[in-house]
Amino acid sequence: MRQEAATSGDAREVARLDGQLGQWRGSLQYYESIASPPPAPSEPATRPPASSGGAQGGPTSTGAAAPAAPPAGEPDRQATDDYIAANYPQFAWLTAIPEMKQLFDDAQAGVWELSKFVLELQKTQWWQATSDTARWWESVKATDTAQSERLRAEKRNLFADQALRLGVDLDPQTLAQLVENSFLFGWSEAQNTDAIVNHVSFGPTTGGLAAGALQTVKSLEREYAFPITDSERNAWAKKFLTGEATEETLRADAIERAKSLYDPTGTGLSKALDAGQTIRSLAGGYIQIAARNLEIDPETIDLIEPKWSRPLMQVDPKTNERVQMSLADWDQTIKTDEQYGWKNTKQANDQADSLVLSLLRSFGEEA
């Protein structure tokens, strides 16, 4: 049940993010393409003009002025930050990353051209361990607060709407973290759904699609009469929600479980199960006899309980294979085994009264 259709707002957002990421990559490709730096000017370089790339920035031509010489002496932190802002404004936001301190100090001391700075930047552990998407998102947060807040708000609304539809209650802190991770790791719509479903809590108050997924699993559990733990049931429901599993694949799993439980040798009910029958449909005769004798609604009989699956679980002592109890034997079992409580039914009491009357008449007496 993987969500296929994106909203128009989501589509616009994806296009916008792709465009921003393209600007970031394009800027870097430009820097890397500089084959040789221009000769150093006689005067210290001023801040290069910003490119049309916006927050990412970049030189407008390969004739951009070289960086200014570093201030005399050991550069202090503020001096280095100012130097980077003047000569590498596109990357000034990286000063917040501890690993960049040495890189910027070296760039300042060596009066690096922008092309050399980019090449050295790409050798850092941070660069190599950080994805394109994460670098883009970090740059947006550092250089354009208004844009990053707008993107967060849009993504937050998308997550909140999806969570509501799925029936997942996300607290504000969890919602904010999911939004941040979606940008950092470049999650697809399917990955967004997976992340939301990981926070689903199944219970009596579960709503939305989560409630429907859980009911689908419970229905299969009932029809194929196999025991399942709460954690397994919830895991199946999560797979159904994320689209990792469909009702057909879950049914196939249920059939295999039923075979293992009711026909481990493959000589009994397996063929009927493969043909489309369920354990409940195969046990229909037993269910009706029990419901009639015990005067109960057949829908209340749950074959997962051993006392109800009993007629399907007999073992032939000669062959040691699983066999089914005859309907007559099941009828007798219902009436004689006290765990079923047949003697407390109206039917049993009426039969007892009829027997007493019959005995009295046999002695020539009337009730």
Protein backbone atom coordinates (compact mmCIF):
# COMPACT_ATOMS: atom_id res chain seq x y z
CA MET A 1 0.00 0.00 0.00
CA ARG A 2 2.93 2.27 -0.77
CA GLN A 3 1.78 5.84 -1.24
CA GLU A 4 2.17 6.68 -4.93
CA ALA A 5 0.50 10.05 -5.46
CA ALA A 6 2.30 13.11 -4.17
CA THR A 7 0.42 16.34 -3.52
CA SER A 8 1.08 19.25 -5.84
CA GLY A 9 2.74 21.08 -2.97
CA ASP A 10 5.08 18.15 -2.36
CA ALA A 11 5.96 18.02 -6.06
CA ARG A 12 6.80 21.72 -6.06
CA GLU A 13 8.93 21.25 -2.96
CA VAL A 14 10.87 18.39 -4.50
CA ALA A 15 11.48 20.45 -7.64
CA ARG A 16 12.67 23.36 -5.54
CA LEU A 17 15.01 21.20 -3.47
CA ASP A 18 16.41 19.61 -6.63
CA GLY A 19 17.04 23.09 -8.02
CA GLN A 20 18.85 24.22 -4.90
CA LEU A 21 20.95 21.05 -4.84
CA GLY A 22 21.74 21.57 -8.52
CA GLN A 23 23.00 25.08 -7.78
CA TRP A 24 25.23 23.72 -5.02
CA ARG A 25 26.68 21.01 -7.25
CA GLY A 26 27.02 23.38 -10.20
CA SER A 27 28.93 25.86 -8.09
CA LEU A 28 31.38 23.19 -6.97
CA GLN A 29 31.85 21.90 -10.51
CA TYR A 30 32.67 25.43 -11.57
CA TYR A 31 35.27 25.83 -8.85
CA GLU A 32 36.86 22.49 -9.71
CA SER A 33 37.04 23.41 -13.40
CA ILE A 34 39.43 26.29 -12.77
CA ALA A 35 42.60 24.92 -14.33
CA SER A 36 45.01 27.58 -13.12
CA PRO A 37 44.56 30.55 -10.86
CA PRO A 38 44.85 34.06 -12.29
CA PRO A 39 47.97 36.05 -11.39
CA ALA A 40 47.80 37.76 -8.02
CA PRO A 41 46.85 41.43 -8.29
CA SER A 42 49.05 44.17 -6.96
CA GLU A 43 46.32 45.22 -4.54
CA PRO A 44 44.65 43.00 -1.90
CA ALA A 45 41.50 41.38 -3.15
CA THR A 46 38.19 42.71 -2.10
CA ARG A 47 35.15 40.55 -1.51
CA PRO A 48 34.24 38.91 -4.87
CA PRO A 49 30.83 39.76 -6.29
CA ALA A 50 28.06 37.24 -5.48
CA SER A 51 26.91 35.02 -8.32
CA SER A 52 23.30 34.43 -9.37
CA GLY A 53 23.41 31.23 -7.27
CA GLY A 54 22.07 33.15 -4.25
CA ALA A 55 23.13 31.71 -0.90
CA GLN A 56 25.69 29.42 -2.49
CA GLY A 57 27.44 32.28 -4.29
CA GLY A 58 30.52 32.01 -6.51
CA PRO A 59 32.78 34.05 -8.79
CA THR A 60 31.24 35.52 -11.89
CA SER A 61 34.28 34.82 -14.07
CA THR A 62 37.63 33.07 -14.01
CA GLY A 63 39.20 36.51 -13.79
CA ALA A 64 38.16 36.98 -10.15
CA ALA A 65 40.74 38.60 -7.91
CA ALA A 66 42.98 36.41 -5.75
CA PRO A 67 42.51 36.24 -1.98
CA ALA A 68 43.98 38.99 0.15
CA ALA A 69 47.14 38.31 2.08
CA PRO A 70 46.60 37.08 5.63
CA PRO A 71 47.07 39.46 8.52
CA ALA A 72 50.53 39.40 10.09
CA GLY A 73 51.24 37.01 12.92
CA GLU A 74 49.26 34.04 14.18
CA PRO A 75 45.65 34.52 13.02
CA ASP A 76 43.08 34.62 15.78
CA ARG A 77 39.65 33.05 15.30
CA GLN A 78 37.84 36.27 14.46
CA ALA A 79 40.56 37.27 11.99
CA THR A 80 40.28 33.91 10.27
CA ASP A 81 36.47 34.13 10.13
CA ASP A 82 36.71 37.61 8.63
CA TYR A 83 39.30 36.44 6.13
CA ILE A 84 37.10 33.53 5.02
CA ALA A 85 34.05 35.78 4.74
CA ALA A 86 36.01 38.15 2.50
CA ASN A 87 37.71 35.59 0.28
CA TYR A 88 35.55 32.44 0.35
CA PRO A 89 32.07 33.79 1.15
CA GLN A 90 30.41 30.76 -0.44
CA PHE A 91 31.86 28.57 2.31
CA ALA A 92 31.82 30.92 5.28
CA TRP A 93 29.08 28.86 6.88
CA LEU A 94 31.57 25.97 7.24
CA THR A 95 33.36 27.87 10.00
CA ALA A 96 30.79 26.38 12.40
CA ILE A 97 32.19 22.88 11.72
CA PRO A 98 35.11 22.07 14.08
CA GLU A 99 37.05 20.05 11.50
CA MET A 100 37.24 23.08 9.19
CA LYS A 101 39.35 25.15 11.61
CA GLN A 102 42.67 23.78 10.36
CA LEU A 103 41.58 24.00 6.74
CA PHE A 104 40.68 27.66 7.06
CA ASP A 105 43.89 28.43 8.94
CA ASP A 106 45.89 26.77 6.17
CA ALA A 107 43.92 28.64 3.50
CA GLN A 108 44.59 31.93 5.24
CA ALA A 109 48.29 31.23 5.77
CA GLY A 110 48.80 30.04 2.21
CA VAL A 111 46.63 32.66 0.51
CA TRP A 112 44.88 29.86 -1.36
CA GLU A 113 43.01 30.45 -4.56
CA LEU A 114 39.37 29.40 -4.45
CA SER A 115 40.08 26.40 -6.69
CA LYS A 116 42.69 25.08 -4.26
CA PHE A 117 40.42 25.69 -1.31
CA VAL A 118 37.66 23.60 -2.93
CA LEU A 119 40.05 20.75 -3.72
CA GLU A 120 41.35 20.69 -0.14
CA LEU A 121 37.82 20.94 1.22
CA GLN A 122 36.82 17.83 -0.70
CA LYS A 123 39.65 15.88 0.94
CA THR A 124 38.32 16.49 4.45
CA GLN A 125 36.68 13.71 6.42
CA TRP A 126 33.56 15.83 6.88
CA TRP A 127 33.10 16.31 3.14
CA GLN A 128 33.62 12.64 2.33
CA ALA A 129 31.32 11.47 5.13
CA THR A 130 28.54 13.94 4.35
CA SER A 131 26.09 13.41 1.50
CA ASP A 132 25.34 16.02 -1.14
CA THR A 133 21.86 16.45 0.33
CA ALA A 134 23.18 16.96 3.85
CA ARG A 135 25.77 19.50 2.67
CA TRP A 136 23.08 21.37 0.80
CA TRP A 137 20.75 21.42 3.79
CA GLU A 138 23.49 22.56 6.17
CA SER A 139 24.38 25.38 3.77
CA VAL A 140 20.75 26.52 3.50
CA LYS A 141 20.33 26.56 7.29
CA ALA A 142 23.53 28.56 7.69
CA THR A 143 23.06 31.04 4.88
CA ASP A 144 19.31 31.54 4.42
CA THR A 145 17.30 31.28 7.63
CA ALA A 146 14.07 32.43 6.01
CA GLN A 147 14.27 29.78 3.31
CA SER A 148 15.18 26.99 5.75
CA GLU A 149 12.26 27.91 8.04
CA ARG A 150 9.86 27.99 5.11
CA LEU A 151 11.05 24.59 3.89
CA ARG A 152 10.77 23.18 7.40
CA ALA A 153 7.22 24.47 7.75
CA GLU A 154 6.15 22.96 4.43
CA LYS A 155 7.76 19.61 5.23
CA ARG A 156 6.29 19.67 8.75
CA ASN A 157 2.79 20.10 7.32
CA LEU A 158 3.35 17.21 4.91
CA PHE A 159 4.52 14.93 7.74
CA ALA A 160 1.65 15.98 10.01
CA ASP A 161 -0.96 15.32 7.30
CA GLN A 162 0.57 11.95 6.45
CA ALA A 163 0.74 10.95 10.12
CA LEU A 164 -2.91 11.87 10.61
CA ARG A 165 -3.96 9.81 7.61
CA LEU A 166 -1.89 6.84 8.77
CA GLY A 167 -3.21 7.09 12.31
CA VAL A 168 0.16 7.89 13.89
CA ASP A 169 0.36 10.35 16.78
CA LEU A 170 3.63 12.33 16.52
CA ASP A 171 4.67 14.62 19.36
CA PRO A 172 6.23 17.97 18.33
CA GLN A 173 9.77 16.87 19.14
CA THR A 174 9.51 13.68 17.07
CA LEU A 175 7.88 15.56 14.20
CA ALA A 176 10.69 18.14 14.18
CA GLN A 177 13.35 15.40 14.16
CA LEU A 178 11.68 13.57 11.27
CA VAL A 179 11.55 16.80 9.27
CA GLU A 180 15.24 17.45 9.92
CA ASN A 181 16.24 13.89 8.99
CA SER A 182 14.17 14.04 5.82
CA PHE A 183 16.23 16.99 4.61
CA LEU A 184 19.59 15.68 5.86
CA PHE A 185 19.21 12.25 4.25
CA GLY A 186 17.14 13.25 1.23
CA TRP A 187 14.30 10.86 2.06
CA SER A 188 11.86 9.88 -0.66
CA GLU A 189 8.12 9.90 -0.02
CA ALA A 190 8.26 6.17 0.69
CA GLN A 191 11.07 6.70 3.20
CA ASN A 192 9.07 9.48 4.86
CA THR A 193 6.19 7.02 5.27
CA ASP A 194 8.50 4.35 6.70
CA ALA A 195 9.83 6.82 9.26
CA ILE A 196 6.33 7.84 10.35
CA VAL A 197 5.11 4.24 10.61
CA ASN A 198 8.05 3.41 12.87
CA HIS A 199 6.30 5.58 15.48
CA VAL A 200 2.86 3.97 15.22
CA SER A 201 1.37 2.69 18.47
CA PHE A 202 -1.30 0.02 18.02
CA GLY A 203 -4.06 -0.12 20.59
CA PRO A 204 -7.78 0.40 21.22
CA THR A 205 -7.60 4.04 20.17
CA THR A 206 -5.57 3.47 16.98
CA GLY A 207 -7.23 5.13 14.01
CA GLY A 208 -6.60 5.93 10.36
CA LEU A 209 -4.96 3.46 8.02
CA ALA A 210 -3.12 1.87 10.96
CA ALA A 211 -6.42 0.61 12.38
CA GLY A 212 -7.33 -0.90 9.01
CA ALA A 213 -3.95 -2.58 8.67
CA LEU A 214 -4.23 -4.10 12.13
CA GLN A 215 -7.74 -5.37 11.37
CA THR A 216 -6.49 -6.99 8.15
CA VAL A 217 -3.89 -8.94 10.11
CA LYS A 218 -6.42 -9.95 12.78
CA SER A 219 -8.82 -11.19 10.11
CA LEU A 220 -6.13 -13.40 8.57
CA GLU A 221 -5.21 -14.63 12.03
CA ARG A 222 -8.82 -15.58 12.68
CA GLU A 223 -9.44 -17.22 9.29
CA TYR A 224 -6.27 -19.32 9.38
CA ALA A 225 -6.37 -19.91 13.15
CA PHE A 226 -2.70 -19.59 13.96
CA PRO A 227 -1.30 -18.04 17.16
CA ILE A 228 0.66 -14.83 16.82
CA THR A 229 2.26 -12.55 19.39
CA ASP A 230 1.35 -8.89 19.73
CA SER A 231 4.77 -7.85 18.43
CA GLU A 232 4.41 -10.11 15.37
CA ARG A 233 0.92 -8.81 14.70
CA ASN A 234 2.11 -5.21 14.91
CA ALA A 235 5.08 -5.96 12.65
CA TRP A 236 2.75 -7.42 10.01
CA ALA A 237 0.51 -4.37 10.25
CA LYS A 238 3.50 -2.03 9.83
CA LYS A 239 4.62 -3.90 6.72
CA PHE A 240 1.11 -3.53 5.33
CA LEU A 241 1.12 0.23 6.08
CA THR A 242 4.47 0.89 4.42
CA GLY A 243 3.70 -1.24 1.38
CA GLU A 244 6.43 -3.74 2.17
CA ALA A 245 3.67 -6.36 2.28
CA THR A 246 0.24 -6.64 0.67
CA GLU A 247 -2.81 -8.59 1.80
CA GLU A 248 -1.84 -11.31 -0.68
CA THR A 249 1.68 -11.71 0.70
CA LEU A 250 0.37 -11.71 4.27
CA ARG A 251 -2.19 -14.34 3.30
CA ALA A 252 0.56 -16.50 1.83
CA ASP A 253 2.43 -16.28 5.14
CA ALA A 254 -0.76 -17.16 7.03
CA ILE A 255 -1.30 -20.25 4.84
CA GLU A 256 2.21 -21.49 5.53
CA ARG A 257 1.72 -21.03 9.24
CA ALA A 258 -1.58 -22.90 9.12
CA LYS A 259 0.02 -25.77 7.19
CA SER A 260 2.80 -26.03 9.75
CA LEU A 261 0.29 -26.15 12.60
CA TYR A 262 -2.54 -28.28 11.21
CA ASP A 263 -0.78 -30.41 8.57
CA PRO A 264 2.94 -30.67 9.32
CA THR A 265 3.32 -33.76 7.11
CA GLY A 266 1.53 -32.20 4.15
CA THR A 267 -0.89 -35.09 3.78
CA GLY A 268 -4.06 -33.51 5.14
CA LEU A 269 -5.40 -29.96 4.85
CA SER A 270 -2.57 -28.47 2.78
CA LYS A 271 -4.16 -29.12 -0.59
CA ALA A 272 -7.43 -27.48 0.48
CA LEU A 273 -5.55 -24.45 1.84
CA ASP A 274 -3.66 -24.06 -1.42
CA ALA A 275 -6.98 -24.23 -3.26
CA GLY A 276 -8.31 -21.21 -1.38
CA GLN A 277 -9.94 -22.70 1.68
CA THR A 278 -9.19 -21.34 5.15
CA ILE A 279 -8.97 -23.23 8.42
CA ARG A 280 -12.21 -21.60 9.51
CA SER A 281 -14.05 -22.65 6.37
CA LEU A 282 -12.70 -26.20 6.71
CA ALA A 283 -13.87 -26.29 10.33
CA GLY A 284 -17.34 -24.98 9.48
CA GLY A 285 -19.10 -28.23 10.43
CA TYR A 286 -17.42 -28.40 13.82
CA ILE A 287 -18.25 -24.75 14.50
CA GLN A 288 -21.94 -25.27 13.73
CA ILE A 289 -22.20 -28.36 15.96
CA ALA A 290 -20.55 -26.55 18.85
CA ALA A 291 -22.69 -23.43 18.39
CA ARG A 292 -25.92 -25.46 18.20
CA ASN A 293 -25.18 -27.69 21.19
CA LEU A 294 -23.85 -24.90 23.38
CA GLU A 295 -26.43 -22.34 22.23
CA ILE A 296 -23.83 -19.70 21.35
CA ASP A 297 -23.12 -17.44 18.39
CA PRO A 298 -20.77 -19.29 16.00
CA GLU A 299 -18.85 -16.00 15.49
CA THR A 300 -17.72 -16.17 19.11
CA ILE A 301 -15.87 -19.43 18.48
CA ASP A 302 -12.18 -18.67 17.98
CA LEU A 303 -10.28 -21.60 16.51
CA ILE A 304 -7.03 -20.26 17.91
CA GLU A 305 -8.22 -21.54 21.29
CA PRO A 306 -7.16 -25.20 21.68
CA LYS A 307 -10.60 -26.36 22.83
CA TRP A 308 -12.13 -25.22 19.52
CA SER A 309 -9.30 -26.39 17.21
CA ARG A 310 -9.34 -29.78 18.96
CA PRO A 311 -11.23 -31.68 16.19
CA LEU A 312 -8.55 -30.62 13.69
CA MET A 313 -5.62 -31.62 15.87
CA GLN A 314 -6.16 -35.34 16.36
CA VAL A 315 -3.26 -37.71 15.73
CA ASP A 316 -3.69 -41.20 14.32
CA PRO A 317 -1.76 -43.49 16.71
CA LYS A 318 -1.01 -45.93 13.88
CA THR A 319 0.43 -43.48 11.35
CA ASN A 320 1.31 -40.62 13.72
CA GLU A 321 -0.27 -38.24 11.18
CA ARG A 322 -2.70 -35.42 11.86
CA VAL A 323 -6.35 -36.44 11.27
CA GLN A 324 -9.72 -34.81 11.75
CA MET A 325 -12.29 -35.95 14.30
CA SER A 326 -15.59 -37.22 12.89
CA LEU A 327 -18.59 -34.92 13.33
CA ALA A 328 -20.32 -37.56 15.49
CA ASP A 329 -17.32 -37.85 17.78
CA TRP A 330 -17.14 -34.07 18.03
CA ASP A 331 -20.84 -33.88 18.95
CA GLN A 332 -20.26 -36.44 21.71
CA THR A 333 -17.13 -34.62 22.92
CA ILE A 334 -19.03 -31.34 23.24
CA LYS A 335 -21.67 -33.00 25.41
CA THR A 336 -19.37 -35.05 27.63
CA ASP A 337 -16.30 -32.88 28.20
CA GLU A 338 -17.12 -30.54 31.07
CA GLN A 339 -14.88 -27.74 29.76
CA TYR A 340 -17.56 -26.94 27.17
CA GLY A 341 -20.36 -26.65 29.76
CA TRP A 342 -23.03 -28.39 27.74
CA LYS A 343 -24.85 -29.59 30.88
CA ASN A 344 -25.65 -25.96 31.72
CA THR A 345 -27.50 -25.30 28.48
CA LYS A 346 -31.28 -25.21 28.05
CA GLN A 347 -30.95 -28.09 25.62
CA ALA A 348 -29.27 -30.26 28.26
CA ASN A 349 -31.83 -29.33 30.90
CA ASP A 350 -34.72 -30.10 28.53
CA GLN A 351 -33.20 -33.50 27.74
CA ALA A 352 -32.81 -34.18 31.46
CA ASP A 353 -36.44 -33.25 32.12
CA SER A 354 -37.56 -35.43 29.20
CA LEU A 355 -35.57 -38.35 30.60
CA VAL A 356 -37.19 -37.95 34.03
CA LEU A 357 -40.66 -37.91 32.50
CA SER A 358 -39.85 -40.99 30.49
CA LEU A 359 -38.69 -42.84 33.59
CA LEU A 360 -41.78 -41.83 35.55
CA ARG A 361 -44.05 -43.08 32.82
CA SER A 362 -42.21 -46.35 32.72
CA PHE A 363 -43.28 -46.87 36.33
CA GLY A 364 -46.83 -45.82 35.62
CA GLU A 365 -46.50 -42.44 37.32
CA GLU A 366 -47.22 -38.95 36.05
CA ALA A 367 -45.15 -35.89 36.78
